[in-house]
Each structure stands twice: as C-alpha cells, then as structure tokens.
N, C-alpha and C. Protein backbone atom coordinates (compact mmCIF):
# COMPACT_ATOMS: atom_id res chain seq x y z
N UNK A 1 0.80 -1.45 -0.01
CA UNK A 1 0.02 -0.18 0.12
C UNK A 1 0.88 1.21 -0.06
N UNK A 2 0.60 2.19 -0.88
CA UNK A 2 1.38 3.45 -0.92
C UNK A 2 0.49 4.69 -0.88
N UNK A 3 0.90 5.48 0.20
CA UNK A 3 0.25 6.92 0.69
C UNK A 3 1.02 7.79 0.20
N UNK A 4 0.11 8.57 -0.47
CA UNK A 4 1.19 9.72 -1.10
C UNK A 4 0.45 11.03 -1.33
N UNK A 5 0.67 12.12 -1.09
CA UNK A 5 0.04 13.61 -1.46
C UNK A 5 -0.21 13.35 -3.16
N UNK A 6 -1.40 13.92 -3.19
CA UNK A 6 -2.06 14.27 -4.72
C UNK A 6 -1.17 15.24 -5.63
N UNK A 7 -1.23 15.32 -6.45
CA UNK A 7 -0.10 16.10 -7.45
C UNK A 7 -0.83 17.36 -7.25
N UNK A 8 -1.90 17.86 -6.77
CA UNK A 8 -2.40 19.14 -6.36
C UNK A 8 -1.70 19.35 -5.17
N UNK A 9 -1.94 18.53 -4.14
CA UNK A 9 -0.81 18.71 -2.93
C UNK A 9 0.32 18.92 -3.02
N UNK A 10 0.82 18.32 -3.81
CA UNK A 10 2.77 18.74 -4.66
C UNK A 10 2.86 20.05 -4.78
N UNK A 11 1.61 20.40 -5.91
CA UNK A 11 2.04 21.52 -6.85
C UNK A 11 1.64 22.93 -5.37
N UNK A 12 0.62 22.65 -4.83
CA UNK A 12 0.29 23.65 -3.90
C UNK A 12 1.45 23.60 -2.74
N UNK A 13 1.99 22.77 -2.56
CA UNK A 13 3.23 22.96 -1.36
C UNK A 13 4.34 23.65 -2.11
N UNK A 14 4.62 23.48 -3.38
CA UNK A 14 5.68 23.87 -4.25
C UNK A 14 5.28 25.21 -4.23
N UNK A 15 4.22 25.72 -4.67
CA UNK A 15 3.94 27.05 -4.64
C UNK A 15 4.63 27.60 -3.40
N UNK A 16 3.99 27.16 -2.17
CA UNK A 16 3.65 27.89 -1.18
C UNK A 16 5.44 27.86 -0.60
N UNK A 17 5.99 27.26 -0.66
CA UNK A 17 7.70 26.57 -0.07
C UNK A 17 8.33 28.14 -1.04
N UNK A 18 8.20 28.44 -2.01
CA UNK A 18 8.70 29.14 -3.02
C UNK A 18 8.10 30.27 -2.79
N UNK A 19 7.07 30.95 -2.55
CA UNK A 19 6.24 32.04 -2.06
C UNK A 19 7.29 32.59 -0.46
N UNK A 20 6.91 31.65 0.10
CA UNK A 20 7.71 31.54 1.46
C UNK A 20 9.28 32.12 1.15
N UNK A 21 10.00 31.40 0.46
CA UNK A 21 11.48 31.53 0.20
C UNK A 21 11.80 33.14 -0.11
N UNK A 22 10.71 33.58 -1.07
CA UNK A 22 11.00 34.76 -1.71
C UNK A 22 10.74 36.00 -0.78
N UNK A 23 9.73 35.35 0.02
CA UNK A 23 9.62 36.61 0.97
C UNK A 23 10.49 36.61 2.56
N UNK A 24 11.36 35.69 2.50
CA UNK A 24 12.36 35.40 3.97
C UNK A 24 11.35 34.99 4.78
N UNK A 25 10.15 34.31 4.86
CA UNK A 25 9.37 33.79 5.82
C UNK A 25 9.75 32.37 6.01
N UNK A 26 9.57 31.89 7.24
CA UNK A 26 9.91 30.56 7.40
C UNK A 26 8.70 29.63 6.51
N UNK A 27 9.17 28.36 5.45
CA UNK A 27 8.27 28.08 4.70
C UNK A 27 6.89 27.12 5.18
N UNK A 28 7.42 26.56 6.54
CA UNK A 28 6.79 25.92 7.33
C UNK A 28 5.71 26.62 7.85
N UNK A 29 5.45 28.17 8.06
CA UNK A 29 4.39 28.79 8.38
C UNK A 29 2.96 29.00 7.14
N UNK A 30 3.75 28.59 5.97
CA UNK A 30 2.54 28.73 4.70
C UNK A 30 2.14 27.33 4.43
N UNK A 31 2.95 26.21 4.86
CA UNK A 31 2.64 24.85 4.48
C UNK A 31 1.13 24.52 5.10
N UNK A 32 0.37 23.72 4.29
CA UNK A 32 -1.09 22.89 5.12
C UNK A 32 -0.40 22.21 6.24
N UNK A 33 -1.16 22.65 7.22
CA UNK A 33 -0.79 22.00 8.64
C UNK A 33 -1.20 20.18 8.38
N UNK A 34 -2.20 20.15 7.18
CA UNK A 34 -2.84 18.95 7.22
C UNK A 34 -1.77 17.56 6.59
N UNK A 35 -0.74 18.48 6.30
CA UNK A 35 0.37 17.57 5.25
C UNK A 35 1.47 17.80 5.93
N UNK A 36 1.64 17.63 7.08
CA UNK A 36 2.72 17.65 7.79
C UNK A 36 3.43 16.30 7.86
N UNK A 37 4.66 16.05 7.77
CA UNK A 37 5.26 14.95 8.06
C UNK A 37 4.97 13.91 9.29
N UNK A 38 4.38 13.11 9.02
CA UNK A 38 4.00 12.15 9.43
C UNK A 38 5.20 12.02 11.09
N UNK A 39 6.03 12.01 10.55
CA UNK A 39 7.09 11.31 11.42
C UNK A 39 7.31 12.02 12.99
N UNK A 40 6.49 13.53 12.49
CA UNK A 40 6.97 14.72 13.47
C UNK A 40 5.70 15.13 14.38
N UNK A 41 4.49 14.16 13.93
CA UNK A 41 3.04 14.47 14.79
C UNK A 41 3.21 14.54 16.24
N UNK A 42 2.52 15.22 16.82
CA UNK A 42 2.38 15.04 18.30
C UNK A 42 1.35 13.53 18.71
N UNK A 43 1.68 13.47 19.79
CA UNK A 43 0.72 12.13 20.28
C UNK A 43 -0.69 12.30 20.21
N UNK A 44 -1.11 13.46 20.74
CA UNK A 44 -2.55 14.13 20.51
C UNK A 44 -3.01 14.53 19.35
N UNK A 45 -1.77 14.63 18.07
CA UNK A 45 -2.28 15.04 16.86
C UNK A 45 -2.66 13.37 16.00
N UNK A 46 -2.29 12.64 16.56
CA UNK A 46 -2.32 10.98 15.50
C UNK A 46 -4.14 10.84 15.74
N UNK A 47 -5.03 10.98 16.47
CA UNK A 47 -6.43 10.60 16.21
C UNK A 47 -6.97 11.53 15.01
N UNK A 48 -6.48 12.98 14.95
CA UNK A 48 -7.03 13.54 13.79
C UNK A 48 -5.97 13.42 12.55
N UNK A 49 -5.31 12.82 12.61
CA UNK A 49 -4.38 12.51 11.12
C UNK A 49 -4.76 11.80 9.92
N UNK A 50 -4.86 12.26 9.16
CA UNK A 50 -5.65 11.04 7.82
C UNK A 50 -4.36 10.47 7.46
N UNK A 51 -3.23 10.48 7.49
CA UNK A 51 -2.36 9.39 7.17
C UNK A 51 -2.18 8.30 8.39
N UNK A 52 -2.19 9.20 9.31
CA UNK A 52 -2.34 8.08 10.83
C UNK A 52 -3.35 6.94 10.66
N UNK A 53 -4.56 7.88 10.35
CA UNK A 53 -5.98 7.14 10.39
C UNK A 53 -6.19 6.07 9.31
N UNK A 54 -5.32 6.10 7.98
CA UNK A 54 -5.41 5.24 6.93
C UNK A 54 -4.57 4.20 7.23
N UNK A 55 -3.04 4.03 7.97
CA UNK A 55 -2.53 3.07 8.21
C UNK A 55 -3.02 2.32 9.50
N UNK A 56 -3.61 3.12 10.23
CA UNK A 56 -4.40 2.48 11.40
C UNK A 56 -5.69 1.63 10.88
N UNK A 57 -6.25 2.05 9.85
CA UNK A 57 -7.09 1.43 9.14
C UNK A 57 -6.46 0.15 8.53
N UNK A 58 -5.40 0.35 7.72
CA UNK A 58 -4.64 -0.79 7.02
C UNK A 58 -4.39 -2.08 8.00
N UNK A 59 -3.84 -1.65 9.13
CA UNK A 59 -3.31 -2.36 10.15
C UNK A 59 -4.44 -3.16 10.48
N UNK A 60 -5.55 -2.60 11.05
CA UNK A 60 -7.07 -3.16 11.38
C UNK A 60 -7.55 -4.20 10.38
N UNK A 61 -7.32 -3.75 8.80
CA UNK A 61 -7.97 -4.62 8.05
C UNK A 61 -7.14 -6.23 7.77
N UNK A 62 -5.62 -5.63 8.11
CA UNK A 62 -4.70 -7.18 8.03
C UNK A 62 -5.10 -7.94 9.02
N UNK A 63 -4.94 -7.31 10.33
CA UNK A 63 -5.06 -7.97 11.53
C UNK A 63 -6.34 -8.56 11.54
N UNK A 64 -7.58 -8.00 10.42
CA UNK A 64 -9.06 -8.94 10.46
C UNK A 64 -8.24 -10.10 9.46
N UNK A 65 -7.89 -10.13 8.62
CA UNK A 65 -7.70 -11.04 7.60
C UNK A 65 -6.75 -12.07 8.04
N UNK A 66 -5.50 -11.46 8.46
CA UNK A 66 -4.56 -12.65 8.72
C UNK A 66 -4.32 -13.29 10.62
N UNK A 67 -5.29 -12.18 11.25
CA UNK A 67 -5.16 -12.55 12.73
C UNK A 67 -4.48 -11.74 13.26
N UNK A 68 -4.84 -11.49 14.78
CA UNK A 68 -4.14 -10.38 15.36
C UNK A 68 -2.43 -10.83 15.81
N UNK A 69 -2.21 -12.20 15.75
CA UNK A 69 -1.08 -12.69 16.38
C UNK A 69 0.03 -12.72 15.47
N UNK A 70 -0.34 -12.49 14.00
CA UNK A 70 0.81 -12.47 12.81
C UNK A 70 1.01 -11.00 13.00
N UNK A 71 2.65 -10.82 13.00
CA UNK A 71 3.51 -9.91 13.23
C UNK A 71 3.09 -8.73 11.90
N UNK A 72 3.24 -7.07 12.20
CA UNK A 72 3.04 -6.84 10.83
C UNK A 72 4.58 -5.82 11.01
N UNK A 73 4.89 -4.95 9.72
CA UNK A 73 6.01 -4.25 10.10
C UNK A 73 5.95 -2.87 8.70
N UNK A 74 5.95 -1.73 9.28
CA UNK A 74 5.77 -0.66 8.67
C UNK A 74 6.94 0.05 7.94
N UNK A 75 7.31 -0.03 6.94
CA UNK A 75 8.42 0.74 6.33
C UNK A 75 8.22 1.84 5.49
N UNK A 76 9.07 2.87 6.05
CA UNK A 76 8.65 4.35 5.97
C UNK A 76 9.96 4.58 4.85
N UNK A 77 9.61 4.82 3.77
CA UNK A 77 10.75 5.05 2.63
C UNK A 77 10.83 6.57 2.27
N UNK A 78 11.68 7.06 2.31
CA UNK A 78 12.12 8.17 1.66
C UNK A 78 13.25 8.38 1.05
N UNK A 79 13.10 9.30 0.00
CA UNK A 79 14.04 9.57 -1.31
C UNK A 79 13.37 10.52 -1.78
N UNK A 80 14.41 10.71 -2.99
CA UNK A 80 14.12 11.35 -3.99
C UNK A 80 13.92 10.72 -5.33
N UNK A 81 13.10 11.30 -6.64
CA UNK A 81 13.28 10.59 -7.54
C UNK A 81 14.24 10.68 -8.31
N UNK A 82 15.08 11.38 -8.68
CA UNK A 82 16.36 11.15 -9.47
C UNK A 82 17.52 11.58 -8.52
N UNK A 83 17.94 10.14 -7.61
CA UNK A 83 19.44 10.57 -6.60
C UNK A 83 20.43 10.64 -7.64
N UNK A 84 21.51 11.50 -6.81
CA UNK A 84 22.48 11.79 -7.89
C UNK A 84 23.31 10.34 -7.65
C-alpha cells in the first residue's frame, strides 16, 4: 500500500514553499498543516491525522484478515526521484 500526496497537494506545497522563500519567511508557516510529515506529529495529533488514520485502518484490516497474532512491519521509505 502506498500513501502519498496528490499532484495538486504537491503543486500547492511547491508554490507556497517558493513564496515563503521569496518573502524571507519560514516556509513551514505557509504549508498546509494537514500535510505535515507524520514522523513529527505529537501524540495528541495522531487520532485526527488522515495519514495515521489510513495506516491504522490498513493495520486493522490486515489483523482481521491474517489474525491478530501475525506480526506486521511498516516500512517508511523516503527518497528523491532522481538521486545523484
């Protein structure tokens, strides 16, 4: 299963990041807080975060399908499209 931003979310983030840099403002102030990196969520933000909810839903579905005693591993891969 792959979770990623939509093309419009990616474009919106690129535009806002560029605008913040041109104005000399912290880009994080411009970005949509709903699209924050899930690795940096606070514990009290988890239940309302759509990424976390989706991972939790997948985990629940797999537990129901394969049993709760079967181990699961979540792999979080980061990278760039064309590495040097």
